[in-house]
Each structure stands twice: as C-alpha cells, then as structure tokens.
Amino acid sequence: MTARLTLGVGLPISGAVGEIPDESIEAMNKTLAIFSGLPGTGKTTLAHLAAHKLRIPLLAIDDVVAAIPEHMSRHADPFWEDMVDILLNLVEFQLEQGFSVIVDSVFMGEDRRHPLCL
C-alpha cells in the first residue's frame, strides 16, 4: 500500500505508509527554544504560548521537579543541578529523535555552560 503524505514542514513523503525517506528526515529542521530568566519574568507564560502556537513539545523544569517524589529529592545533591541535568537529558533525547523542543527553566549554575544552553 502506498500513500502520499505531507509533513507539517511541507516535505512530501512518498512510499509505504509509515516509511519516511532518509533525505526527507535530514531536510527537516529542528528547533530548540530556551526560555530562561528570573522567577516571575513571564518565561513560563511565553513558553506555553509558543508551544501551543507552534505545536512544539514543551519541557519545563517545574514538571521535572514535580515528578520527583519527595523522598528521592532529599537525596539529590545539589538538588537543582540534578533536576536541570534530568531536564537537559530529556531535551537532548528529543533533539536526537528529530523533534523540536521548547524549554522553560531557570539556568542558574554550572548548567549555564551546558552545550544546549550556549
């Protein structure tokens, strides 16, 4: 069975359903948008708005922190750096899979020097 599909970025795909030619995958652009700043500056509001309008997944530090059970967070040392590492690992994985990502986080320590944040 063959089908003709068009990706959201306007790249036509021909072939069997579920099959994407390598040249189409390579032609797709990935976007990494990082919203970082002090608490209360509006980065979360803007990140949510951008994710919704652009239909790009949003990864937020607040969600990572909320997902860690309290008994485990007591053992994280230093807590913030561990949470940012988890977030950045999720971001890296999404980018490696070819997905665009929007990130919402306060980068305030050594994480500022991470290659994804430069």
N, C-alpha and C. Protein backbone atom coordinates (compact mmCIF):
# COMPACT_ATOMS: atom_id res chain seq x y z
N MET A 1 0.84 -1.17 0.00
CA MET A 1 0.00 0.00 0.00
C MET A 1 0.89 1.24 0.00
N THR A 2 0.63 2.18 -0.85
CA THR A 2 1.41 3.42 -0.87
C THR A 2 0.50 4.59 -0.54
N ALA A 3 1.13 5.64 -0.04
CA ALA A 3 0.38 6.83 0.32
C ALA A 3 1.25 8.04 0.07
N ARG A 4 0.63 9.17 -0.10
CA ARG A 4 1.38 10.42 -0.24
C ARG A 4 0.98 11.29 0.93
N LEU A 5 1.94 11.60 1.78
CA LEU A 5 1.71 12.39 2.97
C LEU A 5 2.51 13.67 2.87
N THR A 6 2.10 14.69 3.57
CA THR A 6 2.88 15.92 3.64
C THR A 6 3.12 16.22 5.10
N LEU A 7 4.38 16.38 5.46
CA LEU A 7 4.73 16.73 6.83
C LEU A 7 4.36 18.17 7.10
N GLY A 8 4.26 18.51 8.36
CA GLY A 8 3.94 19.88 8.75
C GLY A 8 4.90 20.91 8.18
N VAL A 9 6.12 20.50 7.88
CA VAL A 9 7.10 21.44 7.33
C VAL A 9 7.02 21.50 5.81
N GLY A 10 6.04 20.79 5.22
CA GLY A 10 5.82 20.88 3.79
C GLY A 10 6.68 19.95 2.95
N LEU A 11 7.27 18.93 3.57
CA LEU A 11 8.08 17.99 2.81
C LEU A 11 7.20 16.82 2.38
N PRO A 12 7.03 16.59 1.07
CA PRO A 12 6.21 15.45 0.63
C PRO A 12 6.93 14.15 0.92
N ILE A 13 6.15 13.15 1.30
CA ILE A 13 6.71 11.83 1.58
C ILE A 13 5.94 10.82 0.74
N SER A 14 6.63 10.06 -0.07
CA SER A 14 6.01 9.02 -0.87
C SER A 14 6.54 7.68 -0.42
N GLY A 15 5.75 6.66 -0.58
CA GLY A 15 6.20 5.33 -0.23
C GLY A 15 5.18 4.64 0.64
N ALA A 16 5.61 3.56 1.26
CA ALA A 16 4.71 2.81 2.12
C ALA A 16 4.32 3.65 3.33
N VAL A 17 3.13 3.41 3.82
CA VAL A 17 2.67 4.14 4.99
C VAL A 17 3.65 3.90 6.14
N GLY A 18 4.06 4.97 6.80
CA GLY A 18 4.98 4.86 7.92
C GLY A 18 6.44 4.90 7.51
N GLU A 19 6.71 4.92 6.22
CA GLU A 19 8.10 4.96 5.74
C GLU A 19 8.45 6.39 5.35
N ILE A 20 9.52 6.89 5.90
CA ILE A 20 9.97 8.25 5.60
C ILE A 20 11.36 8.16 5.01
N PRO A 21 11.54 8.62 3.79
CA PRO A 21 12.87 8.57 3.17
C PRO A 21 13.89 9.35 3.98
N ASP A 22 15.13 8.85 4.02
CA ASP A 22 16.19 9.49 4.78
C ASP A 22 16.40 10.94 4.39
N GLU A 23 16.32 11.25 3.09
CA GLU A 23 16.56 12.63 2.65
C GLU A 23 15.51 13.58 3.20
N SER A 24 14.29 13.10 3.40
CA SER A 24 13.26 13.95 4.00
C SER A 24 13.54 14.21 5.47
N ILE A 25 14.00 13.19 6.16
CA ILE A 25 14.33 13.34 7.58
C ILE A 25 15.46 14.34 7.75
N GLU A 26 16.50 14.21 6.92
CA GLU A 26 17.64 15.12 7.01
C GLU A 26 17.24 16.55 6.69
N ALA A 27 16.23 16.72 5.85
CA ALA A 27 15.82 18.06 5.44
C ALA A 27 14.98 18.77 6.51
N MET A 28 14.44 18.00 7.45
CA MET A 28 13.61 18.61 8.50
C MET A 28 14.48 19.42 9.44
N ASN A 29 14.01 20.59 9.80
CA ASN A 29 14.74 21.43 10.75
C ASN A 29 14.22 21.19 12.14
N LYS A 30 15.15 21.11 13.09
CA LYS A 30 14.77 21.01 14.49
C LYS A 30 14.94 22.39 15.11
N THR A 31 14.08 22.70 16.04
CA THR A 31 14.17 23.98 16.74
C THR A 31 14.31 23.71 18.22
N LEU A 32 15.24 24.41 18.84
CA LEU A 32 15.38 24.40 20.29
C LEU A 32 15.21 25.83 20.75
N ALA A 33 14.15 26.08 21.48
CA ALA A 33 13.90 27.42 22.04
C ALA A 33 13.97 27.30 23.55
N ILE A 34 14.84 28.09 24.17
CA ILE A 34 15.02 28.06 25.62
C ILE A 34 14.50 29.36 26.20
N PHE A 35 13.55 29.25 27.12
CA PHE A 35 13.04 30.40 27.86
C PHE A 35 13.67 30.32 29.24
N SER A 36 14.57 31.24 29.53
CA SER A 36 15.26 31.24 30.81
C SER A 36 15.26 32.65 31.36
N GLY A 37 15.18 32.75 32.66
CA GLY A 37 15.20 34.06 33.30
C GLY A 37 14.83 33.91 34.76
N LEU A 38 14.83 35.01 35.44
CA LEU A 38 14.49 35.00 36.86
C LEU A 38 13.02 34.64 37.05
N PRO A 39 12.67 34.08 38.22
CA PRO A 39 11.27 33.77 38.51
C PRO A 39 10.40 35.04 38.40
N GLY A 40 9.21 34.86 37.82
CA GLY A 40 8.26 35.96 37.73
C GLY A 40 8.42 36.87 36.54
N THR A 41 9.32 36.51 35.60
CA THR A 41 9.55 37.38 34.44
C THR A 41 8.66 37.05 33.25
N GLY A 42 7.87 35.98 33.33
CA GLY A 42 6.94 35.64 32.26
C GLY A 42 7.41 34.56 31.32
N LYS A 43 8.53 33.90 31.64
CA LYS A 43 9.06 32.89 30.73
C LYS A 43 8.12 31.70 30.57
N THR A 44 7.47 31.28 31.65
CA THR A 44 6.56 30.14 31.56
C THR A 44 5.35 30.49 30.70
N THR A 45 4.80 31.67 30.88
CA THR A 45 3.67 32.11 30.06
C THR A 45 4.05 32.14 28.59
N LEU A 46 5.21 32.72 28.28
CA LEU A 46 5.66 32.79 26.89
C LEU A 46 5.98 31.40 26.32
N ALA A 47 6.59 30.55 27.13
CA ALA A 47 6.92 29.20 26.67
C ALA A 47 5.65 28.41 26.34
N HIS A 48 4.64 28.51 27.19
CA HIS A 48 3.37 27.82 26.94
C HIS A 48 2.69 28.37 25.68
N LEU A 49 2.71 29.67 25.52
CA LEU A 49 2.11 30.29 24.34
C LEU A 49 2.83 29.84 23.07
N ALA A 50 4.16 29.87 23.09
CA ALA A 50 4.94 29.45 21.92
C ALA A 50 4.71 27.98 21.61
N ALA A 51 4.70 27.13 22.62
CA ALA A 51 4.48 25.69 22.41
C ALA A 51 3.12 25.44 21.79
N HIS A 52 2.12 26.14 22.28
CA HIS A 52 0.77 25.97 21.76
C HIS A 52 0.66 26.46 20.31
N LYS A 53 1.16 27.64 20.05
CA LYS A 53 1.05 28.24 18.71
C LYS A 53 1.88 27.47 17.69
N LEU A 54 3.08 27.04 18.09
CA LEU A 54 3.98 26.35 17.15
C LEU A 54 3.79 24.84 17.14
N ARG A 55 3.00 24.34 18.10
CA ARG A 55 2.75 22.89 18.21
C ARG A 55 4.07 22.13 18.39
N ILE A 56 4.88 22.64 19.33
CA ILE A 56 6.17 22.04 19.66
C ILE A 56 6.09 21.62 21.13
N PRO A 57 6.59 20.42 21.46
CA PRO A 57 6.56 19.98 22.86
C PRO A 57 7.31 20.95 23.78
N LEU A 58 6.77 21.11 24.97
CA LEU A 58 7.37 21.97 26.00
C LEU A 58 7.89 21.09 27.13
N LEU A 59 9.15 21.26 27.48
CA LEU A 59 9.73 20.59 28.64
C LEU A 59 10.07 21.67 29.65
N ALA A 60 9.50 21.55 30.85
CA ALA A 60 9.66 22.58 31.87
C ALA A 60 10.29 22.01 33.13
N ILE A 61 11.19 22.78 33.72
CA ILE A 61 11.85 22.35 34.95
C ILE A 61 10.84 22.11 36.07
N ASP A 62 9.77 22.90 36.10
CA ASP A 62 8.74 22.72 37.14
C ASP A 62 8.11 21.33 37.06
N ASP A 63 7.93 20.82 35.84
CA ASP A 63 7.36 19.48 35.68
C ASP A 63 8.34 18.40 36.13
N VAL A 64 9.63 18.61 35.87
CA VAL A 64 10.64 17.64 36.32
C VAL A 64 10.67 17.60 37.84
N VAL A 65 10.71 18.77 38.46
CA VAL A 65 10.75 18.84 39.93
C VAL A 65 9.50 18.20 40.52
N ALA A 66 8.33 18.45 39.92
CA ALA A 66 7.08 17.90 40.44
C ALA A 66 7.01 16.38 40.28
N ALA A 67 7.73 15.83 39.30
CA ALA A 67 7.69 14.39 39.05
C ALA A 67 8.59 13.59 39.99
N ILE A 68 9.50 14.25 40.68
CA ILE A 68 10.42 13.56 41.58
C ILE A 68 9.75 13.43 42.96
N PRO A 69 9.57 12.19 43.43
CA PRO A 69 8.97 12.01 44.75
C PRO A 69 9.82 12.69 45.83
N GLU A 70 9.15 13.21 46.84
CA GLU A 70 9.84 13.97 47.88
C GLU A 70 10.95 13.17 48.54
N HIS A 71 10.72 11.88 48.78
CA HIS A 71 11.75 11.08 49.45
C HIS A 71 13.01 10.94 48.59
N MET A 72 12.87 11.04 47.27
CA MET A 72 14.03 10.98 46.40
C MET A 72 14.72 12.33 46.30
N SER A 73 13.95 13.40 46.33
CA SER A 73 14.55 14.72 46.19
C SER A 73 15.42 15.08 47.38
N ARG A 74 15.17 14.47 48.51
CA ARG A 74 16.01 14.73 49.69
C ARG A 74 17.44 14.23 49.48
N HIS A 75 17.61 13.28 48.56
CA HIS A 75 18.93 12.69 48.33
C HIS A 75 19.66 13.33 47.16
N ALA A 76 19.00 14.22 46.47
CA ALA A 76 19.64 14.90 45.34
C ALA A 76 20.58 15.98 45.89
N ASP A 77 21.82 15.91 45.46
CA ASP A 77 22.79 16.87 45.99
C ASP A 77 23.74 17.29 44.87
N PRO A 78 23.76 18.49 44.46
CA PRO A 78 22.80 19.53 44.82
C PRO A 78 21.50 19.33 44.03
N PHE A 79 20.40 19.59 44.66
CA PHE A 79 19.07 19.31 44.12
C PHE A 79 18.85 19.97 42.75
N TRP A 80 19.09 21.27 42.66
CA TRP A 80 18.78 22.00 41.43
C TRP A 80 19.56 21.46 40.24
N GLU A 81 20.86 21.25 40.41
CA GLU A 81 21.69 20.77 39.31
C GLU A 81 21.22 19.40 38.83
N ASP A 82 20.79 18.54 39.77
CA ASP A 82 20.29 17.22 39.38
C ASP A 82 19.01 17.35 38.55
N MET A 83 18.13 18.25 38.94
CA MET A 83 16.87 18.44 38.20
C MET A 83 17.14 19.00 36.80
N VAL A 84 18.06 19.95 36.71
CA VAL A 84 18.40 20.53 35.41
C VAL A 84 19.06 19.47 34.53
N ASP A 85 19.90 18.60 35.10
CA ASP A 85 20.51 17.52 34.33
C ASP A 85 19.43 16.61 33.74
N ILE A 86 18.42 16.27 34.53
CA ILE A 86 17.33 15.44 34.04
C ILE A 86 16.63 16.14 32.88
N LEU A 87 16.31 17.42 33.07
CA LEU A 87 15.64 18.20 32.03
C LEU A 87 16.46 18.22 30.75
N LEU A 88 17.74 18.52 30.86
CA LEU A 88 18.60 18.63 29.67
C LEU A 88 18.80 17.27 28.99
N ASN A 89 18.81 16.19 29.76
CA ASN A 89 18.88 14.86 29.16
C ASN A 89 17.62 14.56 28.35
N LEU A 90 16.45 14.96 28.87
CA LEU A 90 15.20 14.81 28.12
C LEU A 90 15.22 15.63 26.83
N VAL A 91 15.72 16.85 26.93
CA VAL A 91 15.82 17.72 25.77
C VAL A 91 16.74 17.10 24.72
N GLU A 92 17.90 16.65 25.15
CA GLU A 92 18.85 16.03 24.22
C GLU A 92 18.25 14.84 23.51
N PHE A 93 17.53 14.01 24.26
CA PHE A 93 16.90 12.83 23.66
C PHE A 93 15.89 13.23 22.60
N GLN A 94 15.06 14.23 22.89
CA GLN A 94 14.07 14.68 21.92
C GLN A 94 14.74 15.20 20.65
N LEU A 95 15.79 15.98 20.81
CA LEU A 95 16.51 16.51 19.65
C LEU A 95 17.15 15.39 18.83
N GLU A 96 17.71 14.40 19.52
CA GLU A 96 18.32 13.26 18.82
C GLU A 96 17.27 12.50 18.02
N GLN A 97 16.02 12.49 18.48
CA GLN A 97 14.94 11.81 17.78
C GLN A 97 14.39 12.63 16.62
N GLY A 98 14.88 13.87 16.49
CA GLY A 98 14.46 14.71 15.39
C GLY A 98 13.31 15.65 15.72
N PHE A 99 12.97 15.78 17.01
CA PHE A 99 11.87 16.64 17.42
C PHE A 99 12.36 18.01 17.85
N SER A 100 11.57 19.01 17.56
CA SER A 100 11.83 20.35 18.10
C SER A 100 11.37 20.36 19.55
N VAL A 101 11.95 21.26 20.35
CA VAL A 101 11.63 21.33 21.77
C VAL A 101 11.66 22.78 22.24
N ILE A 102 10.74 23.11 23.13
CA ILE A 102 10.77 24.38 23.84
C ILE A 102 11.07 24.05 25.29
N VAL A 103 12.00 24.79 25.88
CA VAL A 103 12.44 24.53 27.26
C VAL A 103 12.13 25.74 28.13
N ASP A 104 11.59 25.48 29.31
CA ASP A 104 11.29 26.53 30.29
C ASP A 104 12.03 26.18 31.58
N SER A 105 13.04 26.98 31.91
CA SER A 105 13.81 26.71 33.12
C SER A 105 14.60 27.95 33.54
N VAL A 106 14.94 27.97 34.80
CA VAL A 106 15.89 28.96 35.30
C VAL A 106 17.25 28.27 35.30
N PHE A 107 18.16 28.74 34.46
CA PHE A 107 19.51 28.20 34.43
C PHE A 107 20.36 29.11 35.29
N MET A 108 20.84 28.59 36.44
CA MET A 108 21.48 29.49 37.39
C MET A 108 22.80 28.99 37.94
N GLY A 109 23.32 27.92 37.42
CA GLY A 109 24.58 27.42 37.95
C GLY A 109 25.47 26.94 36.82
N GLU A 110 26.13 25.82 37.06
CA GLU A 110 27.00 25.25 36.04
C GLU A 110 26.22 24.86 34.80
N ASP A 111 24.89 24.67 34.94
CA ASP A 111 24.08 24.30 33.79
C ASP A 111 24.11 25.37 32.70
N ARG A 112 24.46 26.60 33.06
CA ARG A 112 24.57 27.67 32.05
C ARG A 112 25.65 27.37 31.03
N ARG A 113 26.59 26.51 31.39
CA ARG A 113 27.70 26.18 30.49
C ARG A 113 27.42 24.92 29.66
N HIS A 114 26.25 24.33 29.83
CA HIS A 114 25.88 23.13 29.05
C HIS A 114 25.77 23.52 27.59
N PRO A 115 26.26 22.66 26.68
CA PRO A 115 26.23 22.99 25.25
C PRO A 115 24.85 23.35 24.72
N LEU A 116 23.78 22.78 25.28
CA LEU A 116 22.44 23.11 24.81
C LEU A 116 22.04 24.53 25.19
N CYS A 117 22.68 25.09 26.21
CA CYS A 117 22.28 26.40 26.73
C CYS A 117 23.13 27.54 26.16
N LEU A 118 24.13 27.22 25.38
CA LEU A 118 25.02 28.27 24.85
C LEU A 118 24.46 28.86 23.59
